[in-house]
Amino acid sequence: MTAVASASSRSSRLGLRATPEQETVLRRAAEVAHKSLTDFILDSACQAAEQTLLDQRLFMVAGNQYQALMDLLERPEQTNEGLRDLFSRKAPWDGR
């Protein structure tokens, strides 16, 4: 997903505003990477987006912590009155 699609297959337009300093840094970095400004920005943004998404579902643990984590995940469920109460309430944005 980090590979930028060819210009001919791009169909969505994204707009952004930058300070002159930000533009200078981005242009310099794109030159160093031998990429167009658009390709550099898209590649960088996609890498950051993928990392953000992975951070939501990928857990890194040391070898000695792995078994403890697996044991915790395999434990039978326990009653949690606080969670039961929380999930029984209507969400504040749910005006029904």
Protein backbone atom coordinates (compact mmCIF):
# COMPACT_ATOMS: atom_id res chain seq x y z
CA MET A 1 0.00 0.00 0.00
CA THR A 2 2.93 2.35 0.50
CA ALA A 3 3.75 2.28 -3.19
CA VAL A 4 2.20 5.26 -4.88
CA ALA A 5 -0.10 4.47 -7.79
CA SER A 6 0.85 5.75 -11.19
CA ALA A 7 -0.41 9.20 -12.08
CA SER A 8 -2.80 7.74 -14.64
CA SER A 9 -4.64 5.66 -12.03
CA ARG A 10 -5.04 8.47 -9.52
CA SER A 11 -8.56 9.77 -9.44
CA SER A 12 -8.89 11.59 -6.11
CA ARG A 13 -7.59 15.05 -5.44
CA LEU A 14 -6.26 16.03 -2.03
CA GLY A 15 -5.54 19.61 -1.15
CA LEU A 16 -3.33 20.90 1.61
CA ARG A 17 -1.83 24.14 2.76
CA ALA A 18 1.69 24.46 4.09
CA THR A 19 3.88 27.21 5.43
CA PRO A 20 6.76 28.27 3.18
CA GLU A 21 9.14 26.51 5.58
CA GLN A 22 7.18 23.26 5.38
CA GLU A 23 7.10 23.44 1.60
CA THR A 24 10.87 23.99 1.48
CA VAL A 25 11.53 20.98 3.70
CA LEU A 26 9.17 18.79 1.69
CA ARG A 27 10.68 19.83 -1.63
CA ARG A 28 14.22 19.22 -0.37
CA ALA A 29 13.29 15.80 0.96
CA ALA A 30 11.54 14.89 -2.30
CA GLU A 31 14.66 15.87 -4.25
CA VAL A 32 16.90 13.80 -1.98
CA ALA A 33 14.54 10.83 -2.40
CA HIS A 34 14.47 11.37 -6.20
CA LYS A 35 10.70 11.64 -6.16
CA SER A 36 8.21 14.21 -7.28
CA LEU A 37 6.75 16.32 -4.50
CA THR A 38 3.40 14.58 -4.92
CA ASP A 39 4.93 11.09 -4.77
CA PHE A 40 7.01 12.02 -1.74
CA ILE A 41 4.05 13.45 0.16
CA LEU A 42 1.77 10.52 -0.73
CA ASP A 43 4.39 7.91 0.18
CA SER A 44 5.14 9.64 3.48
CA ALA A 45 1.48 10.12 4.35
CA CYS A 46 0.61 6.51 3.51
CA GLN A 47 3.51 5.20 5.61
CA ALA A 48 2.38 7.32 8.56
CA ALA A 49 -1.23 6.21 8.08
CA GLU A 50 -0.28 2.53 7.93
CA GLN A 51 1.83 2.88 11.08
CA THR A 52 -1.03 4.61 12.87
CA LEU A 53 -3.39 1.79 11.91
CA LEU A 54 -0.89 -0.91 12.86
CA ASP A 55 -0.39 0.75 16.23
CA GLN A 56 -4.07 0.06 16.88
CA ARG A 57 -3.83 -3.70 16.38
CA LEU A 58 -0.21 -4.84 16.67
CA PHE A 59 1.24 -5.65 20.07
CA MET A 60 4.97 -6.10 20.44
CA VAL A 61 6.08 -8.02 23.52
CA ALA A 62 9.40 -9.46 24.63
CA GLY A 63 9.76 -13.24 24.47
CA ASN A 64 9.25 -13.71 28.20
CA GLN A 65 6.08 -11.57 28.12
CA TYR A 66 4.52 -13.47 25.21
CA GLN A 67 3.37 -16.47 27.23
CA ALA A 68 1.98 -14.24 29.98
CA LEU A 69 -0.02 -12.32 27.37
CA MET A 70 -1.31 -15.54 25.79
CA ASP A 71 -2.31 -16.88 29.21
CA LEU A 72 -4.17 -13.67 29.94
CA LEU A 73 -6.02 -13.84 26.61
CA GLU A 74 -6.97 -17.49 27.19
CA ARG A 75 -8.43 -16.90 30.65
CA PRO A 76 -12.18 -17.40 30.94
CA GLU A 77 -14.16 -14.20 30.94
CA GLN A 78 -14.81 -12.58 34.27
CA THR A 79 -17.78 -10.55 35.36
CA ASN A 80 -17.00 -6.85 35.39
CA GLU A 81 -19.83 -4.83 36.89
CA GLY A 82 -18.27 -1.54 35.83
CA LEU A 83 -18.20 -2.59 32.17
CA ARG A 84 -21.68 -4.07 32.42
CA ASP A 85 -22.95 -0.72 33.74
CA LEU A 86 -21.07 1.26 31.10
CA PHE A 87 -22.38 -0.80 28.20
CA SER A 88 -25.93 -0.75 29.51
CA ARG A 89 -26.09 3.06 29.21
CA LYS A 90 -27.04 4.88 26.04
CA ALA A 91 -24.22 6.68 24.28
CA PRO A 92 -24.37 10.47 24.73
CA TRP A 93 -24.57 10.91 20.94
CA ASP A 94 -27.38 8.37 20.68
CA GLY A 95 -30.34 10.70 21.27
CA ARG A 96 -32.96 7.96 21.05
